[in-house]
PDB file of N, CA and C in Angstrom:
ATOM      1  N   PRO A   1     -17.201  18.999   5.081  1.00  0.00           N
ATOM      2  CA  PRO A   1     -15.902  19.680   5.117  1.00  0.00           C
ATOM      3  C   PRO A   1     -14.821  18.843   5.841  1.00  0.00           C
ATOM      4  N   LEU A   2     -15.207  18.148   6.903  1.00  0.00           N
ATOM      5  CA  LEU A   2     -14.241  17.344   7.644  1.00  0.00           C
ATOM      6  C   LEU A   2     -13.745  16.171   6.794  1.00  0.00           C
ATOM      7  N   ARG A   3     -14.661  15.547   6.080  1.00  0.00           N
ATOM      8  CA  ARG A   3     -14.294  14.427   5.203  1.00  0.00           C
ATOM      9  C   ARG A   3     -13.345  14.901   4.095  1.00  0.00           C
ATOM     10  N   GLU A   4     -13.639  16.053   3.530  1.00  0.00           N
ATOM     11  CA  GLU A   4     -12.796  16.610   2.475  1.00  0.00           C
ATOM     12  C   GLU A   4     -11.414  16.963   3.020  1.00  0.00           C
ATOM     13  N   ALA A   5     -11.356  17.513   4.218  1.00  0.00           N
ATOM     14  CA  ALA A   5     -10.079  17.867   4.833  1.00  0.00           C
ATOM     15  C   ALA A   5      -9.259  16.605   5.105  1.00  0.00           C
ATOM     16  N   TYR A   6      -9.909  15.531   5.535  1.00  0.00           N
ATOM     17  CA  TYR A   6      -9.229  14.263   5.792  1.00  0.00           C
ATOM     18  C   TYR A   6      -8.652  13.708   4.487  1.00  0.00           C
ATOM     19  N   GLY A   7      -9.441  13.741   3.424  1.00  0.00           N
ATOM     20  CA  GLY A   7      -8.959  13.299   2.118  1.00  0.00           C
ATOM     21  C   GLY A   7      -7.809  14.153   1.634  1.00  0.00           C
ATOM     22  N   ASP A   8      -7.893  15.459   1.845  1.00  0.00           N
ATOM     23  CA  ASP A   8      -6.815  16.369   1.445  1.00  0.00           C
ATOM     24  C   ASP A   8      -5.525  16.080   2.214  1.00  0.00           C
ATOM     25  N   PHE A   9      -5.661  15.745   3.496  1.00  0.00           N
ATOM     26  CA  PHE A   9      -4.488  15.398   4.304  1.00  0.00           C
ATOM     27  C   PHE A   9      -3.768  14.201   3.687  1.00  0.00           C
ATOM     28  N   TRP A  10      -4.510  13.147   3.393  1.00  0.00           N
ATOM     29  CA  TRP A  10      -3.913  11.929   2.823  1.00  0.00           C
ATOM     30  C   TRP A  10      -3.374  12.181   1.418  1.00  0.00           C
ATOM     31  N   ARG A  11      -4.098  12.966   0.641  1.00  0.00           N
ATOM     32  CA  ARG A  11      -3.628  13.302  -0.706  1.00  0.00           C
ATOM     33  C   ARG A  11      -2.278  14.006  -0.623  1.00  0.00           C
ATOM     34  N   GLY A  12      -2.163  14.974   0.258  1.00  0.00           N
ATOM     35  CA  GLY A  12      -0.910  15.707   0.436  1.00  0.00           C
ATOM     36  C   GLY A  12       0.206  14.819   0.951  1.00  0.00           C
ATOM     37  N   LEU A  13      -0.115  13.930   1.866  1.00  0.00           N
ATOM     38  CA  LEU A  13       0.876  13.015   2.414  1.00  0.00           C
ATOM     39  C   LEU A  13       1.433  12.100   1.328  1.00  0.00           C
ATOM     40  N   LEU A  14       0.556  11.549   0.496  1.00  0.00           N
ATOM     41  CA  LEU A  14       0.996  10.657  -0.584  1.00  0.00           C
ATOM     42  C   LEU A  14       1.767  11.418  -1.659  1.00  0.00           C
ATOM     43  N   GLU A  15       1.324  12.615  -1.987  1.00  0.00           N
ATOM     44  CA  GLU A  15       2.059  13.421  -2.968  1.00  0.00           C
ATOM     45  C   GLU A  15       3.439  13.781  -2.438  1.00  0.00           C
ATOM     46  N   SER A  16       3.547  14.029  -1.153  1.00  0.00           N
ATOM     47  CA  SER A  16       4.843  14.305  -0.537  1.00  0.00           C
ATOM     48  C   SER A  16       5.744  13.075  -0.641  1.00  0.00           C
ATOM     49  N   GLY A  17       5.168  11.899  -0.443  1.00  0.00           N
ATOM     50  CA  GLY A  17       5.923  10.659  -0.582  1.00  0.00           C
ATOM     51  C   GLY A  17       6.418  10.454  -1.996  1.00  0.00           C
ATOM     52  N   ARG A  18       5.615  10.847  -2.952  1.00  0.00           N
ATOM     53  CA  ARG A  18       6.047  10.738  -4.349  1.00  0.00           C
ATOM     54  C   ARG A  18       7.200  11.700  -4.620  1.00  0.00           C
ATOM     55  N   ARG A  19       7.060  12.954  -4.168  1.00  0.00           N
ATOM     56  CA  ARG A  19       8.112  13.951  -4.395  1.00  0.00           C
ATOM     57  C   ARG A  19       9.428  13.558  -3.735  1.00  0.00           C
ATOM     58  N   SER A  20       9.353  12.906  -2.574  1.00  0.00           N
ATOM     59  CA  SER A  20      10.572  12.521  -1.851  1.00  0.00           C
ATOM     60  C   SER A  20      11.201  11.249  -2.402  1.00  0.00           C
ATOM     61  N   GLY A  21      10.489  10.558  -3.285  1.00  0.00           N
ATOM     62  CA  GLY A  21      11.012   9.321  -3.841  1.00  0.00           C
ATOM     63  C   GLY A  21      10.617   8.082  -3.069  1.00  0.00           C
ATOM     64  N   GLU A  22       9.853   8.236  -2.002  1.00  0.00           N
ATOM     65  CA  GLU A  22       9.409   7.088  -1.210  1.00  0.00           C
ATOM     66  C   GLU A  22       8.337   6.273  -1.937  1.00  0.00           C
ATOM     67  N   LEU A  23       7.584   6.920  -2.814  1.00  0.00           N
ATOM     68  CA  LEU A  23       6.547   6.235  -3.583  1.00  0.00           C
ATOM     69  C   LEU A  23       6.884   6.319  -5.063  1.00  0.00           C
ATOM     70  N   ALA A  24       6.518   5.286  -5.788  1.00  0.00           N
ATOM     71  CA  ALA A  24       6.801   5.231  -7.223  1.00  0.00           C
ATOM     72  C   ALA A  24       6.092   6.360  -7.949  1.00  0.00           C
ATOM     73  N   VAL A  25       6.782   6.951  -8.901  1.00  0.00           N
ATOM     74  CA  VAL A  25       6.228   8.047  -9.684  1.00  0.00           C
ATOM     75  C   VAL A  25       4.962   7.606 -10.407  1.00  0.00           C
ATOM     76  N   ALA A  26       4.948   6.358 -10.895  1.00  0.00           N
ATOM     77  CA  ALA A  26       3.811   5.865 -11.670  1.00  0.00           C
ATOM     78  C   ALA A  26       2.656   5.378 -10.799  1.00  0.00           C
ATOM     79  N   ALA A  27       2.807   5.392  -9.486  1.00  0.00           N
ATOM     80  CA  ALA A  27       1.749   4.897  -8.600  1.00  0.00           C
ATOM     81  C   ALA A  27       0.483   5.736  -8.761  1.00  0.00           C
ATOM     82  N   ASP A  28      -0.646   5.067  -8.791  1.00  0.00           N
ATOM     83  CA  ASP A  28      -1.944   5.743  -8.841  1.00  0.00           C
ATOM     84  C   ASP A  28      -2.282   6.174  -7.413  1.00  0.00           C
ATOM     85  N   LEU A  29      -1.973   7.417  -7.082  1.00  0.00           N
ATOM     86  CA  LEU A  29      -2.137   7.897  -5.713  1.00  0.00           C
ATOM     87  C   LEU A  29      -3.591   7.958  -5.284  1.00  0.00           C
ATOM     88  N   SER A  30      -4.492   8.189  -6.208  1.00  0.00           N
ATOM     89  CA  SER A  30      -5.913   8.212  -5.858  1.00  0.00           C
ATOM     90  C   SER A  30      -6.369   6.819  -5.419  1.00  0.00           C
ATOM     91  N   LEU A  31      -5.973   5.812  -6.172  1.00  0.00           N
ATOM     92  CA  LEU A  31      -6.325   4.444  -5.814  1.00  0.00           C
ATOM     93  C   LEU A  31      -5.646   4.041  -4.511  1.00  0.00           C
ATOM     94  N   LEU A  32      -4.380   4.388  -4.359  1.00  0.00           N
ATOM     95  CA  LEU A  32      -3.659   4.073  -3.132  1.00  0.00           C
ATOM     96  C   LEU A  32      -4.338   4.720  -1.932  1.00  0.00           C
ATOM     97  N   ARG A  33      -4.724   5.971  -2.071  1.00  0.00           N
ATOM     98  CA  ARG A  33      -5.410   6.677  -0.971  1.00  0.00           C
ATOM     99  C   ARG A  33      -6.700   5.975  -0.594  1.00  0.00           C
ATOM    100  N   MET A  34      -7.487   5.563  -1.590  1.00  0.00           N
ATOM    101  CA  MET A  34      -8.752   4.893  -1.299  1.00  0.00           C
ATOM    102  C   MET A  34      -8.524   3.516  -0.654  1.00  0.00           C
ATOM    103  N   LEU A  35      -7.497   2.797  -1.098  1.00  0.00           N
ATOM    104  CA  LEU A  35      -7.169   1.512  -0.472  1.00  0.00           C
ATOM    105  C   LEU A  35      -6.764   1.695   0.986  1.00  0.00           C
ATOM    106  N   LEU A  36      -5.912   2.686   1.236  1.00  0.00           N
ATOM    107  CA  LEU A  36      -5.473   2.950   2.604  1.00  0.00           C
ATOM    108  C   LEU A  36      -6.635   3.367   3.498  1.00  0.00           C
ATOM    109  N   LEU A  37      -7.455   4.280   3.006  1.00  0.00           N
ATOM    110  CA  LEU A  37      -8.588   4.743   3.809  1.00  0.00           C
ATOM    111  C   LEU A  37      -9.581   3.621   4.060  1.00  0.00           C
ATOM    112  N   GLY A  38      -9.813   2.787   3.045  1.00  0.00           N
ATOM    113  CA  GLY A  38     -10.707   1.643   3.227  1.00  0.00           C
ATOM    114  C   GLY A  38     -10.171   0.692   4.284  1.00  0.00           C
ATOM    115  N   ALA A  39      -8.873   0.421   4.233  1.00  0.00           N
ATOM    116  CA  ALA A  39      -8.260  -0.463   5.218  1.00  0.00           C
ATOM    117  C   ALA A  39      -8.348   0.135   6.621  1.00  0.00           C
ATOM    118  N   LEU A  40      -8.062   1.418   6.730  1.00  0.00           N
ATOM    119  CA  LEU A  40      -8.143   2.078   8.040  1.00  0.00           C
ATOM    120  C   LEU A  40      -9.573   2.079   8.584  1.00  0.00           C
ATOM    121  N   ASN A  41     -10.533   2.355   7.720  1.00  0.00           N
ATOM    122  CA  ASN A  41     -11.924   2.401   8.165  1.00  0.00           C
ATOM    123  C   ASN A  41     -12.436   1.026   8.585  1.00  0.00           C
ATOM    124  N   TRP A  42     -11.964  -0.027   7.939  1.00  0.00           N
ATOM    125  CA  TRP A  42     -12.438  -1.373   8.245  1.00  0.00           C
ATOM    126  C   TRP A  42     -11.771  -1.945   9.492  1.00  0.00           C
ATOM    127  N   ALA A  43     -10.621  -1.401   9.881  1.00  0.00           N
ATOM    128  CA  ALA A  43      -9.860  -1.932  11.017  1.00  0.00           C
ATOM    129  C   ALA A  43     -10.679  -1.957  12.305  1.00  0.00           C
ATOM    130  N   VAL A  44     -11.624  -1.065  12.472  1.00  0.00           N
ATOM    131  CA  VAL A  44     -12.433  -1.065  13.697  1.00  0.00           C
ATOM    132  C   VAL A  44     -13.254  -2.344  13.825  1.00  0.00           C
ATOM    133  N   GLU A  45     -13.486  -3.021  12.721  1.00  0.00           N
ATOM    134  CA  GLU A  45     -14.273  -4.252  12.747  1.00  0.00           C
ATOM    135  C   GLU A  45     -13.444  -5.465  13.165  1.00  0.00           C
ATOM    136  N   TRP A  46     -12.157  -5.498  12.828  1.00  0.00           N
ATOM    137  CA  TRP A  46     -11.367  -6.694  13.082  1.00  0.00           C
ATOM    138  C   TRP A  46     -10.248  -6.526  14.099  1.00  0.00           C
ATOM    139  N   TYR A  47      -9.931  -5.305  14.457  1.00  0.00           N
ATOM    140  CA  TYR A  47      -8.788  -5.078  15.357  1.00  0.00           C
ATOM    141  C   TYR A  47      -9.019  -5.708  16.722  1.00  0.00           C
ATOM    142  N   ASP A  48      -8.017  -6.446  17.187  1.00  0.00           N
ATOM    143  CA  ASP A  48      -8.044  -7.076  18.510  1.00  0.00           C
ATOM    144  C   ASP A  48      -6.673  -6.851  19.142  1.00  0.00           C
ATOM    145  N   PRO A  49      -6.578  -5.952  20.122  1.00  0.00           N
ATOM    146  CA  PRO A  49      -5.280  -5.621  20.709  1.00  0.00           C
ATOM    147  C   PRO A  49      -4.619  -6.798  21.420  1.00  0.00           C
ATOM    148  N   ARG A  50      -5.359  -7.874  21.678  1.00  0.00           N
ATOM    149  CA  ARG A  50      -4.760  -9.053  22.307  1.00  0.00           C
ATOM    150  C   ARG A  50      -3.917  -9.847  21.311  1.00  0.00           C
ATOM    151  N   ARG A  51      -4.161  -9.639  20.022  1.00  0.00           N
ATOM    152  CA  ARG A  51      -3.415 -10.387  18.996  1.00  0.00           C
ATOM    153  C   ARG A  51      -2.159  -9.645  18.563  1.00  0.00           C
ATOM    154  N   LYS A  52      -2.299  -8.368  18.222  1.00  0.00           N
ATOM    155  CA  LYS A  52      -1.168  -7.523  17.829  1.00  0.00           C
ATOM    156  C   LYS A  52      -1.462  -6.102  18.269  1.00  0.00           C
ATOM    157  N   THR A  53      -0.404  -5.371  18.580  1.00  0.00           N
ATOM    158  CA  THR A  53      -0.597  -3.975  18.954  1.00  0.00           C
ATOM    159  C   THR A  53      -0.839  -3.146  17.697  1.00  0.00           C
ATOM    160  N   ALA A  54      -1.368  -1.970  17.903  1.00  0.00           N
ATOM    161  CA  ALA A  54      -1.588  -1.060  16.773  1.00  0.00           C
ATOM    162  C   ALA A  54      -0.252  -0.731  16.102  1.00  0.00           C
ATOM    163  N   GLU A  55       0.810  -0.600  16.893  1.00  0.00           N
ATOM    164  CA  GLU A  55       2.132  -0.305  16.340  1.00  0.00           C
ATOM    165  C   GLU A  55       2.644  -1.449  15.479  1.00  0.00           C
ATOM    166  N   GLU A  56       2.419  -2.700  15.903  1.00  0.00           N
ATOM    167  CA  GLU A  56       2.840  -3.861  15.110  1.00  0.00           C
ATOM    168  C   GLU A  56       2.084  -3.929  13.792  1.00  0.00           C
ATOM    169  N   ILE A  57       0.792  -3.671  13.864  1.00  0.00           N
ATOM    170  CA  ILE A  57      -0.021  -3.687  12.644  1.00  0.00           C
ATOM    171  C   ILE A  57       0.414  -2.573  11.713  1.00  0.00           C
ATOM    172  N   ALA A  58       0.639  -1.376  12.249  1.00  0.00           N
ATOM    173  CA  ALA A  58       1.066  -0.244  11.423  1.00  0.00           C
ATOM    174  C   ALA A  58       2.388  -0.556  10.728  1.00  0.00           C
ATOM    175  N   ALA A  59       3.352  -1.139  11.448  1.00  0.00           N
ATOM    176  CA  ALA A  59       4.644  -1.474  10.848  1.00  0.00           C
ATOM    177  C   ALA A  59       4.476  -2.501   9.730  1.00  0.00           C
ATOM    178  N   THR A  60       3.611  -3.471   9.926  1.00  0.00           N
ATOM    179  CA  THR A  60       3.373  -4.491   8.908  1.00  0.00           C
ATOM    180  C   THR A  60       2.713  -3.880   7.682  1.00  0.00           C
ATOM    181  N   VAL A  61       1.729  -3.036   7.883  1.00  0.00           N
ATOM    182  CA  VAL A  61       1.027  -2.408   6.766  1.00  0.00           C
ATOM    183  C   VAL A  61       1.978  -1.530   5.957  1.00  0.00           C
ATOM    184  N   VAL A  62       2.801  -0.754   6.633  1.00  0.00           N
ATOM    185  CA  VAL A  62       3.769   0.094   5.928  1.00  0.00           C
ATOM    186  C   VAL A  62       4.710  -0.771   5.102  1.00  0.00           C
ATOM    187  N   ALA A  63       5.204  -1.862   5.687  1.00  0.00           N
ATOM    188  CA  ALA A  63       6.106  -2.758   4.953  1.00  0.00           C
ATOM    189  C   ALA A  63       5.406  -3.361   3.739  1.00  0.00           C
ATOM    190  N   LEU A  64       4.147  -3.751   3.892  1.00  0.00           N
ATOM    191  CA  LEU A  64       3.399  -4.319   2.769  1.00  0.00           C
ATOM    192  C   LEU A  64       3.238  -3.309   1.650  1.00  0.00           C
ATOM    193  N   PHE A  65       2.889  -2.087   1.993  1.00  0.00           N
ATOM    194  CA  PHE A  65       2.659  -1.080   0.966  1.00  0.00           C
ATOM    195  C   PHE A  65       3.949  -0.612   0.306  1.00  0.00           C
ATOM    196  N   LEU A  66       5.018  -0.508   1.073  1.00  0.00           N
ATOM    197  CA  LEU A  66       6.252   0.007   0.501  1.00  0.00           C
ATOM    198  C   LEU A  66       7.121  -1.074  -0.131  1.00  0.00           C
ATOM    199  N   SER A  67       7.039  -2.296   0.358  1.00  0.00           N
ATOM    200  CA  SER A  67       7.866  -3.373  -0.177  1.00  0.00           C
ATOM    201  C   SER A  67       7.085  -4.368  -1.014  1.00  0.00           C
ATOM    202  N   GLY A  68       5.781  -4.405  -0.845  1.00  0.00           N
ATOM    203  CA  GLY A  68       4.958  -5.324  -1.609  1.00  0.00           C
ATOM    204  C   GLY A  68       4.918  -6.717  -1.007  1.00  0.00           C
ATOM    205  N   VAL A  69       4.162  -7.576  -1.635  1.00  0.00           N
ATOM    206  CA  VAL A  69       4.011  -8.941  -1.156  1.00  0.00           C
ATOM    207  C   VAL A  69       4.454  -9.963  -2.193  1.00  0.00           C
ATOM    208  N   GLY A  70       4.877  -9.488  -3.365  1.00  0.00           N
ATOM    209  CA  GLY A  70       5.330 -10.406  -4.407  1.00  0.00           C
ATOM    210  C   GLY A  70       6.697 -10.977  -4.059  1.00  0.00           C
ATOM    211  N   ARG A  71       7.000 -12.101  -4.647  1.00  0.00           N
ATOM    212  CA  ARG A  71       8.307 -12.703  -4.415  1.00  0.00           C
ATOM    213  C   ARG A  71       9.372 -11.874  -5.137  1.00  0.00           C
ATOM    214  N   PRO A  72      10.589 -11.881  -4.631  1.00  0.00           N
ATOM    215  CA  PRO A  72      11.659 -11.129  -5.296  1.00  0.00           C
ATOM    216  C   PRO A  72      11.916 -11.672  -6.698  1.00  0.00           C
ATOM    217  N   ALA A  73      12.284 -10.788  -7.601  1.00  0.00           N
ATOM    218  CA  ALA A  73      12.597 -11.202  -8.968  1.00  0.00           C
ATOM    219  C   ALA A  73      13.846 -12.076  -8.961  1.00  0.00           C
ATOM    220  N   GLN A  74      13.836 -13.109  -9.783  1.00  0.00           N
ATOM    221  CA  GLN A  74      14.992 -13.989  -9.914  1.00  0.00           C
ATOM    222  C   GLN A  74      15.704 -13.654 -11.215  1.00  0.00           C
ATOM    223  N   SER A  75      16.888 -14.188 -11.403  1.00  0.00           N
ATOM    224  CA  SER A  75      17.635 -13.866 -12.613  1.00  0.00           C
ATOM    225  C   SER A  75      16.818 -14.220 -13.847  1.00  0.00           C
ATOM    226  N   GLY A  76      16.810 -13.311 -14.794  1.00  0.00           N
ATOM    227  CA  GLY A  76      16.036 -13.507 -16.009  1.00  0.00           C
ATOM    228  C   GLY A  76      14.586 -13.081 -15.876  1.00  0.00           C
ATOM    229  N   ALA A  77      14.172 -12.716 -14.680  1.00  0.00           N
ATOM    230  CA  ALA A  77      12.788 -12.288 -14.451  1.00  0.00           C
ATOM    231  C   ALA A  77      12.766 -10.771 -14.355  1.00  0.00           C
ATOM    232  N   PRO A  78      11.575 -10.169 -14.458  1.00  0.00           N
ATOM    233  CA  PRO A  78      11.485  -8.713 -14.342  1.00  0.00           C
ATOM    234  C   PRO A  78      12.067  -8.238 -13.012  1.00  0.00           C
ATOM    235  N   ALA A  79      12.638  -7.057 -13.004  1.00  0.00           N
ATOM    236  CA  ALA A  79      13.202  -6.488 -11.782  1.00  0.00           C
ATOM    237  C   ALA A  79      12.841  -5.023 -11.707  1.00  0.00           C
ATOM    238  N   GLY A  80      13.313  -4.369 -10.684  1.00  0.00           N
ATOM    239  CA  GLY A  80      13.122  -2.929 -10.551  1.00  0.00           C
ATOM    240  C   GLY A  80      11.700  -2.525 -10.236  1.00  0.00           C
ATOM    241  N   GLY A  81      11.029  -3.271  -9.368  1.00  0.00           N
ATOM    242  CA  GLY A  81       9.694  -2.897  -8.942  1.00  0.00           C
ATOM    243  C   GLY A  81       8.588  -3.381  -9.853  1.00  0.00           C
ATOM    244  N   GLU A  82       8.928  -4.146 -10.881  1.00  0.00           N
ATOM    245  CA  GLU A  82       7.878  -4.681 -11.744  1.00  0.00           C
ATOM    246  C   GLU A  82       7.150  -5.803 -11.015  1.00  0.00           C
ATOM    247  N   ILE A  83       5.908  -6.008 -11.366  1.00  0.00           N
ATOM    248  CA  ILE A  83       5.121  -7.071 -10.754  1.00  0.00           C
ATOM    249  C   ILE A  83       5.574  -8.410 -11.314  1.00  0.00           C
ATOM    250  N   VAL A  84       5.824  -9.337 -10.420  1.00  0.00           N
ATOM    251  CA  VAL A  84       6.218 -10.682 -10.814  1.00  0.00           C
ATOM    252  C   VAL A  84       5.044 -11.594 -10.495  1.00  0.00           C
ATOM    253  N   PRO A  85       4.302 -12.056 -11.502  1.00  0.00           N
ATOM    254  CA  PRO A  85       3.133 -12.893 -11.218  1.00  0.00           C
ATOM    255  C   PRO A  85       3.539 -14.236 -10.623  1.00  0.00           C
ATOM    256  N   LEU A  86       2.732 -14.721  -9.702  1.00  0.00           N
ATOM    257  CA  LEU A  86       2.998 -16.020  -9.101  1.00  0.00           C
ATOM    258  C   LEU A  86       2.517 -17.150 -10.007  1.00  0.00           C
ATOM    259  N   HIS A  87       1.532 -16.878 -10.839  1.00  0.00           N
ATOM    260  CA  HIS A  87       0.987 -17.883 -11.735  1.00  0.00           C
ATOM    261  C   HIS A  87       0.897 -17.287 -13.132  1.00  0.00           C
ATOM    262  N   ARG A  88       1.099 -18.097 -14.121  1.00  0.00           N
ATOM    263  CA  ARG A  88       0.913 -17.627 -15.480  1.00  0.00           C
ATOM    264  C   ARG A  88      -0.581 -17.635 -15.800  1.00  0.00           C
ATOM    265  N   PRO A  89      -1.067 -16.615 -16.501  1.00  0.00           N
ATOM    266  CA  PRO A  89      -2.482 -16.611 -16.893  1.00  0.00           C
ATOM    267  C   PRO A  89      -2.768 -17.779 -17.835  1.00  0.00           C
ATOM    268  N   ARG A  90      -3.934 -18.338 -17.722  1.00  0.00           N
ATOM    269  CA  ARG A  90      -4.334 -19.425 -18.606  1.00  0.00           C
ATOM    270  C   ARG A  90      -4.659 -18.875 -19.967  1.00  0.00           C
ATOM    271  N   ARG A  91      -4.270 -19.625 -20.981  1.00  0.00           N
ATOM    272  CA  ARG A  91      -4.612 -19.233 -22.356  1.00  0.00           C
ATOM    273  C   ARG A  91      -5.978 -19.779 -22.689  1.00  0.00           C
ATOM    274  N   ARG A  92      -6.721 -19.009 -23.439  1.00  0.00           N
ATOM    275  CA  ARG A  92      -8.065 -19.452 -23.828  1.00  0.00           C
ATOM    276  C   ARG A  92      -8.053 -20.043 -25.184  1.00  0.00           C
TER     277      ARG A  92
END
């Protein structure tokens, strides 16, 4: 029951973000929730408060999830939140 309640909390939080416009309508919230929970659960293995504070890490993670890590679109390239690949796929 506790695990289900925790999942429900995150599900509601992400759905609220979608309704408010903070998250993309097309975002797969189930996948996003699992990625976030996996990252949070794994943090106990690598977290070292001597390197960065929990607040610094949280701010960085939020920026990564909300702004992404791809390079900004350039003129003639996709824009508006579309994924801009760094490398072209190889043709077979």
